[in-house]
Amino acid sequence: MKRGIFLGLVGLGLLVWCGSAQALYTPNPAGRWAENRFFLAGDFTYNANKDLDGGGEIKDQVGFFARPAFSIARNVMIYGRVGAMDGKHLDSGFAGGFGVQGAYVLPRHPEWAIGGAFDFLYWDTGSGPFDLTYIEYQFTPAFSYNVPSIPQLTPYAGVAFDFLGSDFDEDKPFGLVMGTNYDPTNRVRLDAQFRVISETGFFISAGYMF
């Protein structure tokens, strides 16, 4: 029954995937991590469009990031990101930020976990005669399901409350996040994520646990 509810939510999200996007992404907000481990990932993100308050939108955002992270406790991870972003009618520029995420595994149903993440992103979008700064904050509560028959696979879904600062103002602050982790070994983690409703975007990631 619980598995059916989860799959139903994922299916609903895929059906509404033609909605509207943003620059900020959150790795699995309900992810599971061994404690006191260093993790380094390379991330790619693409967003088709992001609606702005008062009309207008940012289109075709592309970002490349290195994401170093450290698990300060079991299933609690702090991370940074550093890289560059580009967008239609906006120059390529430095982008960086940080985040924290944590998860609680249900004792009676250890395949399930609930969690959340907080993220911050800064992007220098200076273009032409303008010097525009893009600042974004996001809180993402979520749940994940570690598939018992495929323990390397952990799908997740959640909601994203997203806010812009500085020179931009977002039209819609609410969205849906869905994706999955896949761990082919106990040191390698792959992640794929889609973002819908308030945004249309995705990111893919590959990382190594030291």
N, C-alpha and C. Protein backbone atom coordinates (compact mmCIF):
# COMPACT_ATOMS: atom_id res chain seq x y z
N MET A 1 0.83 -1.20 0.00
CA MET A 1 0.00 0.00 0.00
C MET A 1 0.87 1.26 0.00
N LYS A 2 1.84 1.31 0.92
CA LYS A 2 2.72 2.48 0.99
C LYS A 2 3.52 2.61 -0.29
N ARG A 3 3.99 1.48 -0.84
CA ARG A 3 4.74 1.55 -2.08
C ARG A 3 3.85 2.08 -3.20
N GLY A 4 2.57 1.69 -3.20
CA GLY A 4 1.66 2.18 -4.22
C GLY A 4 1.44 3.67 -4.13
N ILE A 5 1.35 4.21 -2.91
CA ILE A 5 1.20 5.65 -2.73
C ILE A 5 2.41 6.39 -3.27
N PHE A 6 3.60 5.89 -2.96
CA PHE A 6 4.83 6.52 -3.44
C PHE A 6 4.88 6.52 -4.97
N LEU A 7 4.61 5.37 -5.58
CA LEU A 7 4.65 5.30 -7.03
C LEU A 7 3.59 6.18 -7.67
N GLY A 8 2.45 6.31 -6.99
CA GLY A 8 1.40 7.20 -7.49
C GLY A 8 1.84 8.64 -7.50
N LEU A 9 2.55 9.07 -6.44
CA LEU A 9 3.05 10.45 -6.40
C LEU A 9 4.07 10.70 -7.50
N VAL A 10 4.96 9.73 -7.71
CA VAL A 10 5.95 9.88 -8.77
C VAL A 10 5.26 9.97 -10.13
N GLY A 11 4.26 9.12 -10.34
CA GLY A 11 3.53 9.15 -11.60
C GLY A 11 2.81 10.47 -11.82
N LEU A 12 2.20 11.01 -10.76
CA LEU A 12 1.53 12.30 -10.86
C LEU A 12 2.51 13.39 -11.23
N GLY A 13 3.68 13.36 -10.61
CA GLY A 13 4.68 14.37 -10.94
C GLY A 13 5.11 14.30 -12.39
N LEU A 14 5.28 13.08 -12.91
CA LEU A 14 5.69 12.94 -14.30
C LEU A 14 4.61 13.43 -15.25
N LEU A 15 3.35 13.28 -14.87
CA LEU A 15 2.26 13.75 -15.71
C LEU A 15 2.23 15.27 -15.81
N VAL A 16 2.62 15.97 -14.75
CA VAL A 16 2.58 17.42 -14.77
C VAL A 16 3.95 18.01 -15.09
N TRP A 17 4.86 17.20 -15.61
CA TRP A 17 6.23 17.65 -15.85
C TRP A 17 6.28 18.79 -16.89
N CYS A 18 5.27 19.03 -17.62
CA CYS A 18 5.32 20.13 -18.59
C CYS A 18 4.89 21.43 -17.93
N GLY A 19 5.15 21.63 -16.71
CA GLY A 19 4.85 22.86 -16.03
C GLY A 19 5.87 23.93 -16.28
N SER A 20 6.37 24.81 -15.22
CA SER A 20 7.33 25.79 -15.57
C SER A 20 8.61 25.64 -14.85
N ALA A 21 11.19 26.82 -14.14
CA ALA A 21 12.33 26.09 -13.64
C ALA A 21 13.23 26.99 -12.88
N GLN A 22 14.09 26.47 -12.26
CA GLN A 22 14.93 27.27 -11.42
C GLN A 22 16.34 26.76 -11.42
N ALA A 23 17.24 27.52 -10.85
CA ALA A 23 18.64 27.16 -10.88
C ALA A 23 19.01 26.23 -9.75
N LEU A 24 18.35 26.33 -8.64
CA LEU A 24 18.76 25.60 -7.45
C LEU A 24 18.19 24.18 -7.47
N TYR A 25 19.02 23.24 -7.12
CA TYR A 25 18.59 21.86 -6.97
C TYR A 25 19.03 21.38 -5.60
N THR A 26 18.39 20.33 -5.12
CA THR A 26 18.73 19.74 -3.83
C THR A 26 19.00 18.26 -4.03
N PRO A 27 20.18 17.75 -3.72
CA PRO A 27 20.36 16.29 -3.74
C PRO A 27 19.35 15.66 -2.78
N ASN A 28 19.10 14.38 -2.94
CA ASN A 28 18.07 13.68 -2.16
C ASN A 28 17.89 14.27 -0.76
N PRO A 29 16.78 15.00 -0.50
CA PRO A 29 16.59 15.63 0.81
C PRO A 29 16.39 14.63 1.94
N ALA A 30 16.05 13.39 1.59
CA ALA A 30 15.90 12.33 2.59
C ALA A 30 16.94 11.24 2.35
N GLY A 31 18.13 11.64 1.96
CA GLY A 31 19.19 10.69 1.65
C GLY A 31 19.78 10.03 2.88
N ARG A 32 20.36 8.87 2.68
CA ARG A 32 21.00 8.11 3.76
C ARG A 32 22.50 8.12 3.55
N TRP A 33 23.23 8.36 4.64
CA TRP A 33 24.69 8.47 4.56
C TRP A 33 25.33 7.82 5.78
N ALA A 34 26.46 7.18 5.57
CA ALA A 34 27.28 6.73 6.69
C ALA A 34 27.90 7.97 7.33
N GLU A 35 28.14 7.92 8.64
CA GLU A 35 28.66 9.10 9.33
C GLU A 35 30.17 9.27 9.14
N ASN A 36 30.61 10.54 9.29
CA ASN A 36 32.02 10.91 9.24
C ASN A 36 32.71 10.46 7.95
N ARG A 37 32.04 10.74 6.84
CA ARG A 37 32.60 10.40 5.54
C ARG A 37 32.61 11.64 4.65
N PHE A 38 33.64 11.75 3.81
CA PHE A 38 33.75 12.84 2.85
C PHE A 38 33.23 12.35 1.50
N PHE A 39 32.49 13.21 0.82
CA PHE A 39 31.86 12.85 -0.44
C PHE A 39 32.12 13.97 -1.45
N LEU A 40 32.48 13.62 -2.67
CA LEU A 40 32.71 14.61 -3.72
C LEU A 40 31.94 14.22 -4.96
N ALA A 41 31.12 15.16 -5.46
CA ALA A 41 30.27 14.87 -6.61
C ALA A 41 30.46 15.93 -7.69
N GLY A 42 30.19 15.53 -8.92
CA GLY A 42 30.08 16.46 -10.04
C GLY A 42 28.63 16.50 -10.47
N ASP A 43 28.07 17.70 -10.62
CA ASP A 43 26.65 17.87 -10.91
C ASP A 43 26.44 18.64 -12.20
N PHE A 44 25.41 18.27 -12.93
CA PHE A 44 24.95 19.03 -14.09
C PHE A 44 23.46 19.30 -13.91
N THR A 45 23.06 20.56 -14.12
CA THR A 45 21.65 20.92 -13.98
C THR A 45 21.18 21.70 -15.19
N TYR A 46 19.96 21.44 -15.61
CA TYR A 46 19.35 22.17 -16.72
C TYR A 46 17.92 22.53 -16.34
N ASN A 47 17.53 23.77 -16.64
CA ASN A 47 16.18 24.23 -16.36
C ASN A 47 15.64 24.96 -17.58
N ALA A 48 14.47 24.56 -18.03
CA ALA A 48 13.91 25.11 -19.26
C ALA A 48 13.50 26.57 -19.08
N ASN A 49 12.78 26.88 -18.02
CA ASN A 49 12.35 28.25 -17.80
C ASN A 49 11.91 28.45 -16.35
N LYS A 50 12.03 29.68 -15.89
CA LYS A 50 11.61 30.06 -14.54
C LYS A 50 10.81 31.35 -14.62
N ASP A 51 9.56 31.28 -14.20
CA ASP A 51 8.69 32.46 -14.26
C ASP A 51 9.06 33.46 -13.17
N LEU A 52 9.05 34.73 -13.53
CA LEU A 52 9.36 35.79 -12.59
C LEU A 52 8.10 36.60 -12.28
N ASP A 53 8.05 37.15 -11.10
CA ASP A 53 6.92 37.97 -10.68
C ASP A 53 6.84 39.22 -11.55
N GLY A 54 5.63 39.57 -11.98
CA GLY A 54 5.46 40.75 -12.82
C GLY A 54 5.66 40.48 -14.30
N GLY A 55 5.80 39.21 -14.66
CA GLY A 55 6.02 38.85 -16.06
C GLY A 55 7.48 38.59 -16.35
N GLY A 56 7.71 37.93 -17.47
CA GLY A 56 9.08 37.59 -17.84
C GLY A 56 9.51 36.26 -17.26
N GLU A 57 10.62 35.76 -17.74
CA GLU A 57 11.13 34.49 -17.27
C GLU A 57 12.61 34.37 -17.61
N ILE A 58 13.27 33.47 -16.89
CA ILE A 58 14.65 33.11 -17.19
C ILE A 58 14.60 31.78 -17.91
N LYS A 59 15.26 31.70 -19.06
CA LYS A 59 15.19 30.49 -19.87
C LYS A 59 16.55 29.81 -19.98
N ASP A 60 16.48 28.51 -20.21
CA ASP A 60 17.65 27.68 -20.56
C ASP A 60 18.81 27.88 -19.60
N GLN A 61 18.55 27.68 -18.31
CA GLN A 61 19.63 27.75 -17.32
C GLN A 61 20.42 26.44 -17.34
N VAL A 62 21.72 26.57 -17.40
CA VAL A 62 22.61 25.40 -17.40
C VAL A 62 23.67 25.64 -16.34
N GLY A 63 23.94 24.62 -15.52
CA GLY A 63 24.95 24.77 -14.49
C GLY A 63 25.82 23.54 -14.36
N PHE A 64 27.10 23.77 -14.06
CA PHE A 64 28.06 22.71 -13.77
C PHE A 64 28.67 23.01 -12.41
N PHE A 65 28.69 22.02 -11.51
CA PHE A 65 29.16 22.24 -10.16
C PHE A 65 30.02 21.08 -9.66
N ALA A 66 30.97 21.42 -8.79
CA ALA A 66 31.60 20.44 -7.93
C ALA A 66 30.92 20.58 -6.57
N ARG A 67 30.59 19.45 -5.94
CA ARG A 67 29.85 19.48 -4.67
C ARG A 67 30.60 18.65 -3.61
N PRO A 68 31.47 19.27 -2.83
CA PRO A 68 32.10 18.56 -1.70
C PRO A 68 31.12 18.49 -0.53
N ALA A 69 31.16 17.39 0.20
CA ALA A 69 30.21 17.21 1.30
C ALA A 69 30.86 16.38 2.41
N PHE A 70 30.29 16.51 3.61
CA PHE A 70 30.78 15.72 4.74
C PHE A 70 29.59 15.34 5.62
N SER A 71 29.52 14.07 6.01
CA SER A 71 28.41 13.60 6.86
C SER A 71 28.81 13.79 8.32
N ILE A 72 28.21 14.79 8.96
CA ILE A 72 28.56 15.12 10.35
C ILE A 72 27.92 14.16 11.34
N ALA A 73 26.94 13.40 10.90
CA ALA A 73 26.29 12.36 11.70
C ALA A 73 25.64 11.40 10.72
N ARG A 74 25.17 10.28 11.23
CA ARG A 74 24.50 9.32 10.35
C ARG A 74 23.29 9.98 9.70
N ASN A 75 23.26 9.95 8.38
CA ASN A 75 22.16 10.50 7.58
C ASN A 75 22.03 12.02 7.67
N VAL A 76 23.07 12.70 8.11
CA VAL A 76 23.09 14.17 8.14
C VAL A 76 24.31 14.65 7.37
N MET A 77 24.08 15.44 6.33
CA MET A 77 25.13 15.84 5.42
C MET A 77 25.16 17.36 5.25
N ILE A 78 26.35 17.95 5.32
CA ILE A 78 26.52 19.35 4.96
C ILE A 78 27.34 19.38 3.67
N TYR A 79 27.05 20.34 2.79
CA TYR A 79 27.74 20.37 1.51
C TYR A 79 27.83 21.79 0.97
N GLY A 80 28.78 21.97 0.10
CA GLY A 80 28.92 23.21 -0.64
C GLY A 80 28.84 22.91 -2.12
N ARG A 81 28.74 23.95 -2.91
CA ARG A 81 28.79 23.77 -4.36
C ARG A 81 29.50 24.96 -4.97
N VAL A 82 30.32 24.70 -5.96
CA VAL A 82 31.04 25.76 -6.64
C VAL A 82 31.10 25.41 -8.12
N GLY A 83 30.82 26.40 -8.98
CA GLY A 83 30.82 26.14 -10.40
C GLY A 83 30.42 27.35 -11.19
N ALA A 84 29.72 27.14 -12.27
CA ALA A 84 29.31 28.24 -13.15
C ALA A 84 27.94 27.94 -13.72
N MET A 85 27.20 29.03 -14.02
CA MET A 85 25.88 28.90 -14.63
C MET A 85 25.76 29.85 -15.81
N ASP A 86 24.82 29.50 -16.69
CA ASP A 86 24.55 30.31 -17.86
C ASP A 86 23.05 30.29 -18.09
N GLY A 87 22.53 31.31 -18.75
CA GLY A 87 21.12 31.39 -19.08
C GLY A 87 20.91 32.25 -20.29
N LYS A 88 19.78 32.08 -20.96
CA LYS A 88 19.48 32.86 -22.15
C LYS A 88 19.42 34.35 -21.81
N HIS A 89 20.15 35.16 -22.54
CA HIS A 89 20.26 36.61 -22.34
C HIS A 89 21.00 36.97 -21.05
N LEU A 90 21.64 36.00 -20.42
CA LEU A 90 22.45 36.24 -19.23
C LEU A 90 23.83 35.65 -19.47
N ASP A 91 24.86 36.36 -19.04
CA ASP A 91 26.22 35.87 -19.25
C ASP A 91 26.55 34.71 -18.32
N SER A 92 27.47 33.86 -18.75
CA SER A 92 27.99 32.83 -17.85
C SER A 92 28.68 33.51 -16.68
N GLY A 93 28.52 32.94 -15.51
CA GLY A 93 29.15 33.53 -14.34
C GLY A 93 29.34 32.53 -13.23
N PHE A 94 30.12 32.94 -12.24
CA PHE A 94 30.36 32.10 -11.07
C PHE A 94 29.05 31.82 -10.34
N ALA A 95 28.91 30.60 -9.85
CA ALA A 95 27.77 30.22 -9.03
C ALA A 95 28.27 29.34 -7.90
N GLY A 96 27.75 29.56 -6.72
CA GLY A 96 28.17 28.75 -5.57
C GLY A 96 27.16 28.85 -4.46
N GLY A 97 27.30 27.96 -3.50
CA GLY A 97 26.37 27.98 -2.39
C GLY A 97 26.67 26.86 -1.42
N PHE A 98 25.68 26.56 -0.58
CA PHE A 98 25.85 25.53 0.43
C PHE A 98 24.48 24.98 0.81
N GLY A 99 24.50 23.86 1.53
CA GLY A 99 23.26 23.27 1.97
C GLY A 99 23.49 22.29 3.10
N VAL A 100 22.39 21.88 3.71
CA VAL A 100 22.42 20.85 4.76
C VAL A 100 21.18 19.99 4.61
N GLN A 101 21.33 18.70 4.78
CA GLN A 101 20.18 17.80 4.70
C GLN A 101 20.29 16.74 5.78
N GLY A 102 19.14 16.27 6.21
CA GLY A 102 19.12 15.23 7.24
C GLY A 102 17.91 14.34 7.07
N ALA A 103 18.03 13.09 7.48
CA ALA A 103 16.94 12.12 7.32
C ALA A 103 16.79 11.29 8.59
N TYR A 104 15.57 10.85 8.84
CA TYR A 104 15.25 9.97 9.96
C TYR A 104 14.64 8.70 9.41
N VAL A 105 15.28 7.56 9.68
CA VAL A 105 14.80 6.27 9.22
C VAL A 105 13.77 5.75 10.21
N LEU A 106 12.60 5.36 9.72
CA LEU A 106 11.53 4.88 10.60
C LEU A 106 11.93 3.54 11.21
N PRO A 107 11.97 3.44 12.54
CA PRO A 107 12.46 2.22 13.19
C PRO A 107 11.68 0.96 12.81
N ARG A 108 10.36 1.06 12.69
CA ARG A 108 9.55 -0.12 12.39
C ARG A 108 9.46 -0.41 10.90
N HIS A 109 9.81 0.56 10.10
CA HIS A 109 9.79 0.38 8.65
C HIS A 109 11.06 1.00 8.07
N PRO A 110 12.21 0.36 8.27
CA PRO A 110 13.50 0.97 7.92
C PRO A 110 13.70 1.22 6.43
N GLU A 111 12.82 0.71 5.58
CA GLU A 111 12.94 1.03 4.16
C GLU A 111 12.49 2.47 3.88
N TRP A 112 11.77 3.08 4.84
CA TRP A 112 11.26 4.44 4.68
C TRP A 112 12.09 5.43 5.51
N ALA A 113 12.26 6.62 4.96
CA ALA A 113 12.92 7.70 5.71
C ALA A 113 12.23 9.01 5.37
N ILE A 114 12.16 9.89 6.37
CA ILE A 114 11.65 11.24 6.13
C ILE A 114 12.79 12.22 6.44
N GLY A 115 12.81 13.32 5.73
CA GLY A 115 13.91 14.25 5.93
C GLY A 115 13.62 15.60 5.31
N GLY A 116 14.66 16.38 5.17
CA GLY A 116 14.52 17.70 4.59
C GLY A 116 15.89 18.31 4.34
N ALA A 117 15.89 19.40 3.57
CA ALA A 117 17.14 20.08 3.23
C ALA A 117 16.90 21.58 3.16
N PHE A 118 17.96 22.33 3.48
CA PHE A 118 17.97 23.78 3.27
C PHE A 118 19.13 24.08 2.33
N ASP A 119 18.86 24.92 1.31
CA ASP A 119 19.89 25.25 0.32
C ASP A 119 19.95 26.75 0.06
N PHE A 120 21.15 27.21 -0.26
CA PHE A 120 21.39 28.61 -0.65
C PHE A 120 22.24 28.61 -1.91
N LEU A 121 21.91 29.50 -2.86
CA LEU A 121 22.68 29.60 -4.10
C LEU A 121 22.88 31.07 -4.46
N TYR A 122 24.11 31.39 -4.87
CA TYR A 122 24.46 32.72 -5.40
C TYR A 122 24.95 32.55 -6.82
N TRP A 123 24.45 33.40 -7.73
CA TRP A 123 24.86 33.34 -9.13
C TRP A 123 25.09 34.75 -9.64
N ASP A 124 26.29 35.02 -10.13
CA ASP A 124 26.62 36.32 -10.71
C ASP A 124 26.22 36.29 -12.18
N THR A 125 25.08 36.91 -12.51
CA THR A 125 24.54 36.84 -13.87
C THR A 125 24.85 38.09 -14.68
N GLY A 126 25.85 38.88 -14.29
CA GLY A 126 26.16 40.13 -14.97
C GLY A 126 26.07 40.01 -16.48
N SER A 127 25.26 40.86 -17.12
CA SER A 127 25.04 40.76 -18.55
C SER A 127 25.00 42.15 -19.16
N GLY A 128 25.86 42.39 -20.15
CA GLY A 128 25.86 43.68 -20.82
C GLY A 128 26.13 44.80 -19.83
N PRO A 129 25.31 45.87 -19.88
CA PRO A 129 25.53 47.01 -18.98
C PRO A 129 25.03 46.75 -17.57
N PHE A 130 24.39 45.59 -17.36
CA PHE A 130 23.80 45.29 -16.06
C PHE A 130 24.69 44.34 -15.27
N ASP A 131 24.63 44.45 -13.98
CA ASP A 131 25.34 43.54 -13.09
C ASP A 131 24.32 42.96 -12.14
N LEU A 132 23.67 41.88 -12.58
CA LEU A 132 22.55 41.30 -11.84
C LEU A 132 23.05 40.15 -10.96
N THR A 133 22.52 40.11 -9.75
CA THR A 133 22.87 39.05 -8.81
C THR A 133 21.63 38.19 -8.55
N TYR A 134 21.82 36.89 -8.66
CA TYR A 134 20.74 35.92 -8.46
C TYR A 134 21.00 35.20 -7.14
N ILE A 135 20.08 35.34 -6.19
CA ILE A 135 20.20 34.68 -4.89
C ILE A 135 18.94 33.85 -4.67
N GLU A 136 19.12 32.62 -4.23
CA GLU A 136 17.99 31.71 -4.06
C GLU A 136 18.13 30.94 -2.75
N TYR A 137 16.98 30.80 -2.06
CA TYR A 137 16.88 30.03 -0.83
C TYR A 137 15.80 28.97 -1.03
N GLN A 138 16.03 27.79 -0.47
CA GLN A 138 15.04 26.73 -0.66
C GLN A 138 15.00 25.79 0.55
N PHE A 139 13.78 25.42 0.94
CA PHE A 139 13.56 24.40 1.97
C PHE A 139 12.77 23.27 1.33
N THR A 140 13.25 22.03 1.50
CA THR A 140 12.67 20.89 0.79
C THR A 140 12.42 19.71 1.72
N PRO A 141 11.22 19.60 2.31
CA PRO A 141 10.87 18.37 3.04
C PRO A 141 10.58 17.24 2.06
N ALA A 142 10.94 16.01 2.42
CA ALA A 142 10.81 14.90 1.47
C ALA A 142 10.79 13.57 2.22
N PHE A 143 10.48 12.50 1.48
CA PHE A 143 10.60 11.14 2.00
C PHE A 143 11.28 10.28 0.95
N SER A 144 11.88 9.18 1.40
CA SER A 144 12.54 8.27 0.48
C SER A 144 12.18 6.83 0.82
N TYR A 145 12.36 5.96 -0.15
CA TYR A 145 12.03 4.54 0.00
C TYR A 145 13.18 3.71 -0.55
N ASN A 146 13.86 2.99 0.33
CA ASN A 146 14.94 2.11 -0.09
C ASN A 146 14.34 0.77 -0.49
N VAL A 147 14.39 0.47 -1.78
CA VAL A 147 13.70 -0.71 -2.33
C VAL A 147 14.34 -1.98 -1.77
N PRO A 148 13.60 -2.79 -0.99
CA PRO A 148 14.21 -3.98 -0.37
C PRO A 148 14.79 -4.97 -1.37
N SER A 149 14.14 -5.14 -2.51
CA SER A 149 14.63 -6.10 -3.49
C SER A 149 15.78 -5.56 -4.32
N ILE A 150 15.97 -4.23 -4.30
CA ILE A 150 17.10 -3.59 -5.00
C ILE A 150 17.69 -2.57 -4.03
N PRO A 151 18.46 -2.99 -3.03
CA PRO A 151 18.92 -2.08 -1.98
C PRO A 151 19.79 -0.93 -2.47
N GLN A 152 20.33 -1.04 -3.67
CA GLN A 152 21.13 0.06 -4.22
C GLN A 152 20.25 1.24 -4.66
N LEU A 153 18.95 1.03 -4.78
CA LEU A 153 18.03 2.02 -5.34
C LEU A 153 17.19 2.67 -4.25
N THR A 154 17.20 4.02 -4.22
CA THR A 154 16.41 4.76 -3.22
C THR A 154 15.68 5.91 -3.89
N PRO A 155 14.45 5.67 -4.40
CA PRO A 155 13.65 6.76 -4.94
C PRO A 155 13.21 7.71 -3.83
N TYR A 156 12.92 8.96 -4.21
CA TYR A 156 12.46 9.95 -3.24
C TYR A 156 11.53 10.96 -3.90
N ALA A 157 10.77 11.65 -3.09
CA ALA A 157 9.87 12.70 -3.56
C ALA A 157 9.67 13.71 -2.44
N GLY A 158 9.42 14.94 -2.81
CA GLY A 158 9.21 15.98 -1.79
C GLY A 158 8.67 17.25 -2.42
N VAL A 159 8.48 18.25 -1.59
CA VAL A 159 8.02 19.55 -2.05
C VAL A 159 9.12 20.57 -1.80
N ALA A 160 9.19 21.58 -2.67
CA ALA A 160 10.23 22.60 -2.57
C ALA A 160 9.57 23.97 -2.37
N PHE A 161 9.96 24.64 -1.30
CA PHE A 161 9.53 26.02 -1.04
C PHE A 161 10.72 26.90 -1.37
N ASP A 162 10.58 27.68 -2.44
CA ASP A 162 11.71 28.34 -3.06
C ASP A 162 11.49 29.85 -3.12
N PHE A 163 12.53 30.63 -2.79
CA PHE A 163 12.41 32.08 -2.75
C PHE A 163 13.65 32.72 -3.36
N LEU A 164 13.43 33.77 -4.13
CA LEU A 164 14.52 34.51 -4.74
C LEU A 164 14.77 35.81 -3.99
N GLY A 165 16.02 36.29 -4.08
CA GLY A 165 16.37 37.55 -3.46
C GLY A 165 17.15 38.42 -4.42
N SER A 166 17.59 39.56 -3.98
CA SER A 166 18.41 40.49 -4.77
C SER A 166 17.65 41.03 -5.97
N ASP A 167 18.14 40.81 -7.20
CA ASP A 167 17.60 41.47 -8.39
C ASP A 167 16.48 40.71 -9.09
N PHE A 168 16.03 39.57 -8.54
CA PHE A 168 14.98 38.78 -9.17
C PHE A 168 13.88 38.49 -8.15
N ASP A 169 12.66 38.30 -8.63
CA ASP A 169 11.53 37.97 -7.77
C ASP A 169 10.75 36.85 -8.44
N GLU A 170 10.60 35.73 -7.74
CA GLU A 170 9.97 34.55 -8.32
C GLU A 170 8.46 34.66 -8.33
N ASP A 171 7.84 34.07 -9.37
CA ASP A 171 6.39 34.07 -9.48
C ASP A 171 5.73 33.00 -8.62
N LYS A 172 6.30 31.79 -8.62
CA LYS A 172 5.69 30.67 -7.90
C LYS A 172 6.71 30.07 -6.94
N PRO A 173 6.43 30.06 -5.64
CA PRO A 173 7.42 29.56 -4.68
C PRO A 173 7.27 28.08 -4.33
N PHE A 174 6.36 27.36 -4.98
CA PHE A 174 6.08 25.97 -4.60
C PHE A 174 6.31 25.04 -5.78
N GLY A 175 6.97 23.92 -5.53
CA GLY A 175 7.20 22.94 -6.58
C GLY A 175 7.31 21.53 -6.03
N LEU A 176 7.44 20.56 -6.91
CA LEU A 176 7.56 19.15 -6.56
C LEU A 176 8.90 18.63 -7.04
N VAL A 177 9.56 17.86 -6.19
CA VAL A 177 10.87 17.27 -6.47
C VAL A 177 10.73 15.76 -6.45
N MET A 178 11.31 15.08 -7.42
CA MET A 178 11.30 13.62 -7.42
C MET A 178 12.56 13.12 -8.09
N GLY A 179 13.02 11.98 -7.64
CA GLY A 179 14.24 11.43 -8.23
C GLY A 179 14.62 10.13 -7.58
N THR A 180 15.84 9.71 -7.81
CA THR A 180 16.33 8.48 -7.19
C THR A 180 17.84 8.51 -7.07
N ASN A 181 18.34 7.89 -6.01
CA ASN A 181 19.76 7.57 -5.88
C ASN A 181 19.97 6.15 -6.35
N TYR A 182 21.13 5.90 -6.94
CA TYR A 182 21.52 4.54 -7.25
C TYR A 182 22.98 4.38 -6.87
N ASP A 183 23.27 3.41 -6.00
CA ASP A 183 24.62 3.18 -5.50
C ASP A 183 25.16 1.88 -6.08
N PRO A 184 25.87 1.93 -7.20
CA PRO A 184 26.39 0.68 -7.78
C PRO A 184 27.43 0.01 -6.90
N THR A 185 28.14 0.80 -6.05
CA THR A 185 29.04 0.26 -5.04
C THR A 185 28.80 1.05 -3.75
N ASN A 186 29.44 0.64 -2.66
CA ASN A 186 29.24 1.35 -1.41
C ASN A 186 30.00 2.67 -1.35
N ARG A 187 30.72 3.02 -2.42
CA ARG A 187 31.43 4.30 -2.48
C ARG A 187 30.95 5.23 -3.59
N VAL A 188 30.21 4.71 -4.55
CA VAL A 188 29.75 5.51 -5.68
C VAL A 188 28.25 5.75 -5.56
N ARG A 189 27.84 7.00 -5.77
CA ARG A 189 26.42 7.35 -5.76
C ARG A 189 26.07 8.14 -7.00
N LEU A 190 25.03 7.68 -7.71
CA LEU A 190 24.48 8.37 -8.86
C LEU A 190 23.12 8.93 -8.47
N ASP A 191 22.78 10.10 -9.00
CA ASP A 191 21.52 10.74 -8.65
C ASP A 191 20.90 11.33 -9.91
N ALA A 192 19.60 11.16 -10.06
CA ALA A 192 18.85 11.80 -11.15
C ALA A 192 17.60 12.39 -10.53
N GLN A 193 17.27 13.62 -10.93
CA GLN A 193 16.16 14.33 -10.29
C GLN A 193 15.40 15.17 -11.31
N PHE A 194 14.07 15.19 -11.15
CA PHE A 194 13.20 16.06 -11.94
C PHE A 194 12.50 17.04 -11.01
N ARG A 195 12.20 18.25 -11.52
CA ARG A 195 11.52 19.28 -10.75
C ARG A 195 10.34 19.77 -11.59
N VAL A 196 9.16 19.80 -10.98
CA VAL A 196 7.95 20.10 -11.73
C VAL A 196 7.06 21.10 -10.99
N ILE A 197 5.96 21.45 -11.60
CA ILE A 197 4.90 22.36 -11.16
C ILE A 197 5.36 23.81 -11.26
N SER A 198 6.21 24.27 -10.37
CA SER A 198 6.67 25.66 -10.45
C SER A 198 7.88 25.79 -11.36
N GLU A 199 8.35 24.69 -11.89
CA GLU A 199 9.58 24.68 -12.67
C GLU A 199 9.64 23.41 -13.50
N THR A 200 10.39 23.45 -14.57
CA THR A 200 10.63 22.26 -15.37
C THR A 200 12.14 22.12 -15.52
N GLY A 201 12.70 21.18 -14.82
CA GLY A 201 14.14 21.04 -14.86
C GLY A 201 14.58 19.68 -14.37
N PHE A 202 15.85 19.41 -14.52
CA PHE A 202 16.40 18.15 -14.04
C PHE A 202 17.87 18.36 -13.70
N PHE A 203 18.41 17.45 -12.90
CA PHE A 203 19.85 17.40 -12.71
C PHE A 203 20.32 15.97 -12.58
N ILE A 204 21.56 15.75 -12.98
CA ILE A 204 22.18 14.44 -12.83
C ILE A 204 23.49 14.63 -12.12
N SER A 205 23.89 13.61 -11.38
CA SER A 205 25.07 13.74 -10.52
C SER A 205 25.76 12.39 -10.37
N ALA A 206 27.07 12.45 -10.20
CA ALA A 206 27.86 11.26 -9.89
C ALA A 206 28.89 11.64 -8.84
N GLY A 207 29.00 10.83 -7.78
CA GLY A 207 29.92 11.18 -6.70
C GLY A 207 30.60 9.96 -6.11
N TYR A 208 31.66 10.25 -5.35
CA TYR A 208 32.47 9.19 -4.73
C TYR A 208 32.62 9.45 -3.25
N MET A 209 32.41 8.42 -2.43
CA MET A 209 32.54 8.50 -0.99
C MET A 209 33.94 8.05 -0.56
N PHE A 210 34.65 8.92 0.15
CA PHE A 210 36.01 8.61 0.61
C PHE A 210 35.97 8.04 2.03
